[in-house]
Amino acid sequence: MVDKQKQNELTQRDHEYWAANLRLITGILIIWATVSYGFGLLLRPYLMGISIGGADLGFWFAQQGAIFTFLSLIFFYGYKMNKLDKEYGLED
């Protein structure tokens, strides 16, 4: 009975790992929202003068830039989580 209680208790290291994970997720979501909504929608009028591949920069972010950023963030998250897992001894 006591062993089960010890297994269910979270240690300080568990809380630190979870806090680091949440910081990473928060940062990635901020980048994603900035690129998707900020550059693609809200800042589009200001980005119209800059051209990429024949389209204005705001349109490019809305159509392709957000997708490229999202895919990059997926790989970045995987890389950072592998490092975090190794740091806390949780790697497979």
PDB file of N, CA and C in Angstrom:
ATOM      1  N   MET A   1       0.821  -1.196   0.000  1.00  0.00           N
ATOM      2  CA  MET A   1       0.000   0.000   0.000  1.00  0.00           C
ATOM      3  C   MET A   1       0.863   1.257   0.000  1.00  0.00           C
ATOM      4  N   VAL A   2       1.907   1.267   0.789  1.00  0.00           N
ATOM      5  CA  VAL A   2       2.785   2.431   0.854  1.00  0.00           C
ATOM      6  C   VAL A   2       3.532   2.610  -0.465  1.00  0.00           C
ATOM      7  N   ASP A   3       3.922   1.496  -1.107  1.00  0.00           N
ATOM      8  CA  ASP A   3       4.633   1.582  -2.376  1.00  0.00           C
ATOM      9  C   ASP A   3       3.766   2.207  -3.466  1.00  0.00           C
ATOM     10  N   LYS A   4       2.475   1.909  -3.466  1.00  0.00           N
ATOM     11  CA  LYS A   4       1.578   2.499  -4.460  1.00  0.00           C
ATOM     12  C   LYS A   4       1.441   4.001  -4.244  1.00  0.00           C
ATOM     13  N   GLN A   5       1.424   4.445  -2.991  1.00  0.00           N
ATOM     14  CA  GLN A   5       1.345   5.871  -2.706  1.00  0.00           C
ATOM     15  C   GLN A   5       2.605   6.580  -3.190  1.00  0.00           C
ATOM     16  N   LYS A   6       3.749   5.980  -2.998  1.00  0.00           N
ATOM     17  CA  LYS A   6       4.996   6.583  -3.450  1.00  0.00           C
ATOM     18  C   LYS A   6       5.039   6.667  -4.968  1.00  0.00           C
ATOM     19  N   GLN A   7       4.490   5.677  -5.650  1.00  0.00           N
ATOM     20  CA  GLN A   7       4.477   5.689  -7.098  1.00  0.00           C
ATOM     21  C   GLN A   7       3.556   6.783  -7.639  1.00  0.00           C
ATOM     22  N   ASN A   8       2.480   7.079  -6.926  1.00  0.00           N
ATOM     23  CA  ASN A   8       1.514   8.073  -7.389  1.00  0.00           C
ATOM     24  C   ASN A   8       1.916   9.505  -7.053  1.00  0.00           C
ATOM     25  N   GLU A   9       2.849   9.688  -6.131  1.00  0.00           N
ATOM     26  CA  GLU A   9       3.269  11.029  -5.742  1.00  0.00           C
ATOM     27  C   GLU A   9       4.207  11.604  -6.797  1.00  0.00           C
ATOM     28  N   LEU A  10       4.012  12.862  -7.091  1.00  0.00           N
ATOM     29  CA  LEU A  10       4.882  13.543  -8.035  1.00  0.00           C
ATOM     30  C   LEU A  10       6.035  14.187  -7.289  1.00  0.00           C
ATOM     31  N   THR A  11       7.227  14.016  -7.813  1.00  0.00           N
ATOM     32  CA  THR A  11       8.402  14.596  -7.185  1.00  0.00           C
ATOM     33  C   THR A  11       8.632  16.003  -7.724  1.00  0.00           C
ATOM     34  N   GLN A  12       9.561  16.697  -7.098  1.00  0.00           N
ATOM     35  CA  GLN A  12       9.927  18.040  -7.561  1.00  0.00           C
ATOM     36  C   GLN A  12      10.474  17.977  -8.983  1.00  0.00           C
ATOM     37  N   ARG A  13      11.211  16.931  -9.287  1.00  0.00           N
ATOM     38  CA  ARG A  13      11.772  16.759 -10.634  1.00  0.00           C
ATOM     39  C   ARG A  13      10.659  16.570 -11.667  1.00  0.00           C
ATOM     40  N   ASP A  14       9.587  15.867 -11.291  1.00  0.00           N
ATOM     41  CA  ASP A  14       8.441  15.707 -12.190  1.00  0.00           C
ATOM     42  C   ASP A  14       7.791  17.056 -12.487  1.00  0.00           C
ATOM     43  N   HIS A  15       7.665  17.888 -11.447  1.00  0.00           N
ATOM     44  CA  HIS A  15       7.071  19.216 -11.635  1.00  0.00           C
ATOM     45  C   HIS A  15       7.963  20.099 -12.519  1.00  0.00           C
ATOM     46  N   GLU A  16       9.288  20.002 -12.336  1.00  0.00           N
ATOM     47  CA  GLU A  16      10.215  20.770 -13.164  1.00  0.00           C
ATOM     48  C   GLU A  16      10.131  20.331 -14.627  1.00  0.00           C
ATOM     49  N   TYR A  17      10.036  19.018 -14.853  1.00  0.00           N
ATOM     50  CA  TYR A  17       9.919  18.492 -16.211  1.00  0.00           C
ATOM     51  C   TYR A  17       8.636  18.999 -16.864  1.00  0.00           C
ATOM     52  N   TRP A  18       7.541  18.941 -16.138  1.00  0.00           N
ATOM     53  CA  TRP A  18       6.266  19.384 -16.685  1.00  0.00           C
ATOM     54  C   TRP A  18       6.278  20.892 -16.943  1.00  0.00           C
ATOM     55  N   ALA A  19       6.889  21.665 -16.040  1.00  0.00           N
ATOM     56  CA  ALA A  19       6.971  23.112 -16.232  1.00  0.00           C
ATOM     57  C   ALA A  19       7.803  23.437 -17.477  1.00  0.00           C
ATOM     58  N   ALA A  20       8.913  22.726 -17.683  1.00  0.00           N
ATOM     59  CA  ALA A  20       9.738  22.946 -18.877  1.00  0.00           C
ATOM     60  C   ALA A  20       8.955  22.586 -20.138  1.00  0.00           C
ATOM     61  N   ASN A  21       8.189  21.515 -20.079  1.00  0.00           N
ATOM     62  CA  ASN A  21       7.365  21.098 -21.215  1.00  0.00           C
ATOM     63  C   ASN A  21       6.312  22.162 -21.519  1.00  0.00           C
ATOM     64  N   LEU A  22       5.665  22.694 -20.516  1.00  0.00           N
ATOM     65  CA  LEU A  22       4.651  23.729 -20.727  1.00  0.00           C
ATOM     66  C   LEU A  22       5.248  25.016 -21.282  1.00  0.00           C
ATOM     67  N   ARG A  23       6.456  25.386 -20.826  1.00  0.00           N
ATOM     68  CA  ARG A  23       7.126  26.572 -21.376  1.00  0.00           C
ATOM     69  C   ARG A  23       7.406  26.381 -22.860  1.00  0.00           C
ATOM     70  N   LEU A  24       7.868  25.198 -23.225  1.00  0.00           N
ATOM     71  CA  LEU A  24       8.151  24.895 -24.625  1.00  0.00           C
ATOM     72  C   LEU A  24       6.876  24.962 -25.460  1.00  0.00           C
ATOM     73  N   ILE A  25       5.821  24.349 -24.982  1.00  0.00           N
ATOM     74  CA  ILE A  25       4.548  24.354 -25.710  1.00  0.00           C
ATOM     75  C   ILE A  25       4.003  25.776 -25.842  1.00  0.00           C
ATOM     76  N   THR A  26       4.096  26.561 -24.773  1.00  0.00           N
ATOM     77  CA  THR A  26       3.609  27.940 -24.805  1.00  0.00           C
ATOM     78  C   THR A  26       4.371  28.766 -25.838  1.00  0.00           C
ATOM     79  N   GLY A  27       5.684  28.636 -25.849  1.00  0.00           N
ATOM     80  CA  GLY A  27       6.493  29.361 -26.824  1.00  0.00           C
ATOM     81  C   GLY A  27       6.158  28.977 -28.250  1.00  0.00           C
ATOM     82  N   ILE A  28       5.978  27.687 -28.486  1.00  0.00           N
ATOM     83  CA  ILE A  28       5.645  27.213 -29.829  1.00  0.00           C
ATOM     84  C   ILE A  28       4.265  27.712 -30.251  1.00  0.00           C
ATOM     85  N   LEU A  29       3.310  27.706 -29.337  1.00  0.00           N
ATOM     86  CA  LEU A  29       1.972  28.204 -29.677  1.00  0.00           C
ATOM     87  C   LEU A  29       1.972  29.703 -29.966  1.00  0.00           C
ATOM     88  N   ILE A  30       2.816  30.447 -29.258  1.00  0.00           N
ATOM     89  CA  ILE A  30       2.914  31.885 -29.521  1.00  0.00           C
ATOM     90  C   ILE A  30       3.479  32.124 -30.914  1.00  0.00           C
ATOM     91  N   ILE A  31       4.521  31.378 -31.279  1.00  0.00           N
ATOM     92  CA  ILE A  31       5.093  31.508 -32.626  1.00  0.00           C
ATOM     93  C   ILE A  31       4.059  31.129 -33.672  1.00  0.00           C
ATOM     94  N   TRP A  32       3.374  30.018 -33.462  1.00  0.00           N
ATOM     95  CA  TRP A  32       2.363  29.564 -34.419  1.00  0.00           C
ATOM     96  C   TRP A  32       1.253  30.613 -34.600  1.00  0.00           C
ATOM     97  N   ALA A  33       0.751  31.153 -33.491  1.00  0.00           N
ATOM     98  CA  ALA A  33      -0.326  32.141 -33.575  1.00  0.00           C
ATOM     99  C   ALA A  33       0.154  33.423 -34.247  1.00  0.00           C
ATOM    100  N   THR A  34       1.375  33.838 -33.945  1.00  0.00           N
ATOM    101  CA  THR A  34       1.916  35.047 -34.557  1.00  0.00           C
ATOM    102  C   THR A  34       2.025  34.897 -36.071  1.00  0.00           C
ATOM    103  N   VAL A  35       2.540  33.758 -36.512  1.00  0.00           N
ATOM    104  CA  VAL A  35       2.706  33.545 -37.950  1.00  0.00           C
ATOM    105  C   VAL A  35       1.357  33.340 -38.624  1.00  0.00           C
ATOM    106  N   SER A  36       0.505  32.492 -38.052  1.00  0.00           N
ATOM    107  CA  SER A  36      -0.772  32.172 -38.697  1.00  0.00           C
ATOM    108  C   SER A  36      -1.745  33.330 -38.686  1.00  0.00           C
ATOM    109  N   TYR A  37      -1.987  33.886 -37.514  1.00  0.00           N
ATOM    110  CA  TYR A  37      -2.988  34.944 -37.400  1.00  0.00           C
ATOM    111  C   TYR A  37      -2.386  36.334 -37.566  1.00  0.00           C
ATOM    112  N   GLY A  38      -1.205  36.517 -36.986  1.00  0.00           N
ATOM    113  CA  GLY A  38      -0.587  37.830 -37.059  1.00  0.00           C
ATOM    114  C   GLY A  38      -0.159  38.196 -38.463  1.00  0.00           C
ATOM    115  N   PHE A  39       0.754  37.392 -39.046  1.00  0.00           N
ATOM    116  CA  PHE A  39       1.276  37.699 -40.373  1.00  0.00           C
ATOM    117  C   PHE A  39       0.255  37.424 -41.473  1.00  0.00           C
ATOM    118  N   GLY A  40      -0.514  36.359 -41.316  1.00  0.00           N
ATOM    119  CA  GLY A  40      -1.457  35.978 -42.371  1.00  0.00           C
ATOM    120  C   GLY A  40      -2.719  36.806 -42.413  1.00  0.00           C
ATOM    121  N   LEU A  41      -3.173  37.316 -41.269  1.00  0.00           N
ATOM    122  CA  LEU A  41      -4.446  38.048 -41.238  1.00  0.00           C
ATOM    123  C   LEU A  41      -4.312  39.482 -40.732  1.00  0.00           C
ATOM    124  N   LEU A  42      -3.822  39.640 -39.520  1.00  0.00           N
ATOM    125  CA  LEU A  42      -3.831  40.959 -38.894  1.00  0.00           C
ATOM    126  C   LEU A  42      -2.833  41.931 -39.513  1.00  0.00           C
ATOM    127  N   LEU A  43      -1.638  41.454 -39.839  1.00  0.00           N
ATOM    128  CA  LEU A  43      -0.607  42.335 -40.390  1.00  0.00           C
ATOM    129  C   LEU A  43      -0.542  42.313 -41.912  1.00  0.00           C
ATOM    130  N   ARG A  44      -1.471  41.648 -42.536  1.00  0.00           N
ATOM    131  CA  ARG A  44      -1.432  41.528 -44.005  1.00  0.00           C
ATOM    132  C   ARG A  44      -1.412  42.875 -44.722  1.00  0.00           C
ATOM    133  N   PRO A  45      -2.188  43.861 -44.306  1.00  0.00           N
ATOM    134  CA  PRO A  45      -2.118  45.149 -45.015  1.00  0.00           C
ATOM    135  C   PRO A  45      -0.722  45.788 -44.958  1.00  0.00           C
ATOM    136  N   TYR A  46       0.004  45.551 -43.871  1.00  0.00           N
ATOM    137  CA  TYR A  46       1.331  46.136 -43.740  1.00  0.00           C
ATOM    138  C   TYR A  46       2.383  45.355 -44.535  1.00  0.00           C
ATOM    139  N   LEU A  47       2.097  44.103 -44.843  1.00  0.00           N
ATOM    140  CA  LEU A  47       3.044  43.255 -45.555  1.00  0.00           C
ATOM    141  C   LEU A  47       2.789  43.211 -47.062  1.00  0.00           C
ATOM    142  N   MET A  48       1.823  43.969 -47.545  1.00  0.00           N
ATOM    143  CA  MET A  48       1.450  43.915 -48.961  1.00  0.00           C
ATOM    144  C   MET A  48       2.537  44.446 -49.884  1.00  0.00           C
ATOM    145  N   GLY A  49       3.386  45.331 -49.406  1.00  0.00           N
ATOM    146  CA  GLY A  49       4.420  45.906 -50.256  1.00  0.00           C
ATOM    147  C   GLY A  49       5.595  44.978 -50.497  1.00  0.00           C
ATOM    148  N   ILE A  50       5.730  43.924 -49.710  1.00  0.00           N
ATOM    149  CA  ILE A  50       6.842  42.985 -49.830  1.00  0.00           C
ATOM    150  C   ILE A  50       6.364  41.790 -50.648  1.00  0.00           C
ATOM    151  N   SER A  51       7.124  41.441 -51.679  1.00  0.00           N
ATOM    152  CA  SER A  51       6.699  40.379 -52.587  1.00  0.00           C
ATOM    153  C   SER A  51       7.607  39.156 -52.459  1.00  0.00           C
ATOM    154  N   ILE A  52       6.980  37.984 -52.424  1.00  0.00           N
ATOM    155  CA  ILE A  52       7.698  36.700 -52.432  1.00  0.00           C
ATOM    156  C   ILE A  52       7.031  35.830 -53.483  1.00  0.00           C
ATOM    157  N   GLY A  53       7.786  35.435 -54.480  1.00  0.00           N
ATOM    158  CA  GLY A  53       7.261  34.543 -55.517  1.00  0.00           C
ATOM    159  C   GLY A  53       6.051  35.083 -56.251  1.00  0.00           C
ATOM    160  N   GLY A  54       5.961  36.383 -56.413  1.00  0.00           N
ATOM    161  CA  GLY A  54       4.852  36.974 -57.144  1.00  0.00           C
ATOM    162  C   GLY A  54       3.629  37.281 -56.298  1.00  0.00           C
ATOM    163  N   ALA A  55       3.677  36.981 -55.028  1.00  0.00           N
ATOM    164  CA  ALA A  55       2.544  37.280 -54.128  1.00  0.00           C
ATOM    165  C   ALA A  55       3.044  38.144 -52.986  1.00  0.00           C
ATOM    166  N   ASP A  56       2.135  38.911 -52.391  1.00  0.00           N
ATOM    167  CA  ASP A  56       2.571  39.731 -51.266  1.00  0.00           C
ATOM    168  C   ASP A  56       2.859  38.841 -50.060  1.00  0.00           C
ATOM    169  N   LEU A  57       3.682  39.345 -49.157  1.00  0.00           N
ATOM    170  CA  LEU A  57       4.165  38.547 -48.026  1.00  0.00           C
ATOM    171  C   LEU A  57       3.028  38.068 -47.118  1.00  0.00           C
ATOM    172  N   GLY A  58       2.018  38.895 -46.886  1.00  0.00           N
ATOM    173  CA  GLY A  58       0.885  38.482 -46.060  1.00  0.00           C
ATOM    174  C   GLY A  58       0.131  37.307 -46.661  1.00  0.00           C
ATOM    175  N   PHE A  59      -0.093  37.356 -47.964  1.00  0.00           N
ATOM    176  CA  PHE A  59      -0.757  36.253 -48.658  1.00  0.00           C
ATOM    177  C   PHE A  59       0.110  34.998 -48.606  1.00  0.00           C
ATOM    178  N   TRP A  60       1.417  35.164 -48.794  1.00  0.00           N
ATOM    179  CA  TRP A  60       2.332  34.021 -48.750  1.00  0.00           C
ATOM    180  C   TRP A  60       2.290  33.347 -47.384  1.00  0.00           C
ATOM    181  N   PHE A  61       2.306  34.151 -46.302  1.00  0.00           N
ATOM    182  CA  PHE A  61       2.211  33.562 -44.964  1.00  0.00           C
ATOM    183  C   PHE A  61       0.888  32.837 -44.772  1.00  0.00           C
ATOM    184  N   ALA A  62      -0.190  33.397 -45.267  1.00  0.00           N
ATOM    185  CA  ALA A  62      -1.493  32.763 -45.111  1.00  0.00           C
ATOM    186  C   ALA A  62      -1.581  31.455 -45.884  1.00  0.00           C
ATOM    187  N   GLN A  63      -0.934  31.382 -47.044  1.00  0.00           N
ATOM    188  CA  GLN A  63      -1.042  30.197 -47.906  1.00  0.00           C
ATOM    189  C   GLN A  63       0.051  29.171 -47.657  1.00  0.00           C
ATOM    190  N   GLN A  64       1.303  29.602 -47.540  1.00  0.00           N
ATOM    191  CA  GLN A  64       2.399  28.645 -47.437  1.00  0.00           C
ATOM    192  C   GLN A  64       3.264  28.843 -46.213  1.00  0.00           C
ATOM    193  N   GLY A  65       3.513  30.069 -45.854  1.00  0.00           N
ATOM    194  CA  GLY A  65       4.426  30.353 -44.742  1.00  0.00           C
ATOM    195  C   GLY A  65       3.966  29.740 -43.436  1.00  0.00           C
ATOM    196  N   ALA A  66       2.664  29.775 -43.177  1.00  0.00           N
ATOM    197  CA  ALA A  66       2.138  29.194 -41.941  1.00  0.00           C
ATOM    198  C   ALA A  66       2.327  27.682 -41.936  1.00  0.00           C
ATOM    199  N   ILE A  67       2.170  27.055 -43.084  1.00  0.00           N
ATOM    200  CA  ILE A  67       2.356  25.601 -43.175  1.00  0.00           C
ATOM    201  C   ILE A  67       3.813  25.239 -42.948  1.00  0.00           C
ATOM    202  N   PHE A  68       4.731  25.964 -43.605  1.00  0.00           N
ATOM    203  CA  PHE A  68       6.159  25.716 -43.407  1.00  0.00           C
ATOM    204  C   PHE A  68       6.566  25.948 -41.956  1.00  0.00           C
ATOM    205  N   THR A  69       6.043  26.997 -41.367  1.00  0.00           N
ATOM    206  CA  THR A  69       6.346  27.287 -39.966  1.00  0.00           C
ATOM    207  C   THR A  69       5.807  26.186 -39.066  1.00  0.00           C
ATOM    208  N   PHE A  70       4.586  25.736 -39.314  1.00  0.00           N
ATOM    209  CA  PHE A  70       3.981  24.685 -38.513  1.00  0.00           C
ATOM    210  C   PHE A  70       4.802  23.396 -38.596  1.00  0.00           C
ATOM    211  N   LEU A  71       5.220  23.014 -39.792  1.00  0.00           N
ATOM    212  CA  LEU A  71       6.041  21.809 -39.945  1.00  0.00           C
ATOM    213  C   LEU A  71       7.388  21.966 -39.247  1.00  0.00           C
ATOM    214  N   SER A  72       7.977  23.141 -39.346  1.00  0.00           N
ATOM    215  CA  SER A  72       9.242  23.401 -38.655  1.00  0.00           C
ATOM    216  C   SER A  72       9.066  23.306 -37.141  1.00  0.00           C
ATOM    217  N   LEU A  73       7.957  23.819 -36.638  1.00  0.00           N
ATOM    218  CA  LEU A  73       7.700  23.763 -35.203  1.00  0.00           C
ATOM    219  C   LEU A  73       7.498  22.331 -34.719  1.00  0.00           C
ATOM    220  N   ILE A  74       6.919  21.482 -35.541  1.00  0.00           N
ATOM    221  CA  ILE A  74       6.752  20.073 -35.175  1.00  0.00           C
ATOM    222  C   ILE A  74       8.118  19.411 -34.986  1.00  0.00           C
ATOM    223  N   PHE A  75       9.017  19.624 -35.942  1.00  0.00           N
ATOM    224  CA  PHE A  75      10.355  19.040 -35.828  1.00  0.00           C
ATOM    225  C   PHE A  75      11.141  19.655 -34.670  1.00  0.00           C
ATOM    226  N   PHE A  76      10.994  20.962 -34.482  1.00  0.00           N
ATOM    227  CA  PHE A  76      11.659  21.633 -33.365  1.00  0.00           C
ATOM    228  C   PHE A  76      11.166  21.080 -32.035  1.00  0.00           C
ATOM    229  N   TYR A  77       9.859  20.890 -31.899  1.00  0.00           N
ATOM    230  CA  TYR A  77       9.293  20.341 -30.665  1.00  0.00           C
ATOM    231  C   TYR A  77       9.829  18.927 -30.401  1.00  0.00           C
ATOM    232  N   GLY A  78       9.876  18.115 -31.428  1.00  0.00           N
ATOM    233  CA  GLY A  78      10.416  16.765 -31.262  1.00  0.00           C
ATOM    234  C   GLY A  78      11.862  16.784 -30.819  1.00  0.00           C
ATOM    235  N   TYR A  79      12.662  17.651 -31.431  1.00  0.00           N
ATOM    236  CA  TYR A  79      14.076  17.771 -31.067  1.00  0.00           C
ATOM    237  C   TYR A  79      14.234  18.225 -29.616  1.00  0.00           C
ATOM    238  N   LYS A  80      13.504  19.288 -29.242  1.00  0.00           N
ATOM    239  CA  LYS A  80      13.616  19.820 -27.874  1.00  0.00           C
ATOM    240  C   LYS A  80      13.090  18.831 -26.834  1.00  0.00           C
ATOM    241  N   MET A  81      12.027  18.099 -27.154  1.00  0.00           N
ATOM    242  CA  MET A  81      11.507  17.123 -26.196  1.00  0.00           C
ATOM    243  C   MET A  81      12.477  15.958 -26.017  1.00  0.00           C
ATOM    244  N   ASN A  82      13.159  15.547 -27.078  1.00  0.00           N
ATOM    245  CA  ASN A  82      14.179  14.511 -26.933  1.00  0.00           C
ATOM    246  C   ASN A  82      15.291  14.983 -26.009  1.00  0.00           C
ATOM    247  N   LYS A  83      15.720  16.244 -26.173  1.00  0.00           N
ATOM    248  CA  LYS A  83      16.741  16.783 -25.276  1.00  0.00           C
ATOM    249  C   LYS A  83      16.227  16.865 -23.841  1.00  0.00           C
ATOM    250  N   LEU A  84      15.000  17.289 -23.673  1.00  0.00           N
ATOM    251  CA  LEU A  84      14.411  17.404 -22.336  1.00  0.00           C
ATOM    252  C   LEU A  84      14.262  16.029 -21.687  1.00  0.00           C
ATOM    253  N   ASP A  85      13.845  15.046 -22.462  1.00  0.00           N
ATOM    254  CA  ASP A  85      13.725  13.682 -21.942  1.00  0.00           C
ATOM    255  C   ASP A  85      15.078  13.144 -21.488  1.00  0.00           C
ATOM    256  N   LYS A  86      16.119  13.398 -22.271  1.00  0.00           N
ATOM    257  CA  LYS A  86      17.455  12.949 -21.881  1.00  0.00           C
ATOM    258  C   LYS A  86      17.931  13.660 -20.629  1.00  0.00           C
ATOM    259  N   GLU A  87      17.631  14.948 -20.530  1.00  0.00           N
ATOM    260  CA  GLU A  87      18.029  15.730 -19.359  1.00  0.00           C
ATOM    261  C   GLU A  87      17.396  15.188 -18.077  1.00  0.00           C
ATOM    262  N   TYR A  88      16.168  14.739 -18.177  1.00  0.00           N
ATOM    263  CA  TYR A  88      15.449  14.231 -17.001  1.00  0.00           C
ATOM    264  C   TYR A  88      15.466  12.716 -16.904  1.00  0.00           C
ATOM    265  N   GLY A  89      16.221  12.054 -17.772  1.00  0.00           N
ATOM    266  CA  GLY A  89      16.360  10.601 -17.703  1.00  0.00           C
ATOM    267  C   GLY A  89      15.113   9.843 -18.108  1.00  0.00           C
ATOM    268  N   LEU A  90      14.359  10.367 -19.050  1.00  0.00           N
ATOM    269  CA  LEU A  90      13.108   9.737 -19.471  1.00  0.00           C
ATOM    270  C   LEU A  90      13.147   9.228 -20.898  1.00  0.00           C
ATOM    271  N   GLU A  91      14.342   9.179 -21.498  1.00  0.00           N
ATOM    272  CA  GLU A  91      14.424   8.734 -22.876  1.00  0.00           C
ATOM    273  C   GLU A  91      14.109   7.250 -22.988  1.00  0.00           C
ATOM    274  N   ASP A  92      13.666   6.853 -24.174  1.00  0.00           N
ATOM    275  CA  ASP A  92      13.315   5.447 -24.415  1.00  0.00           C
ATOM    276  C   ASP A  92      14.536   4.619 -24.652  1.00  0.00           C
TER     277      ASP A  92
END
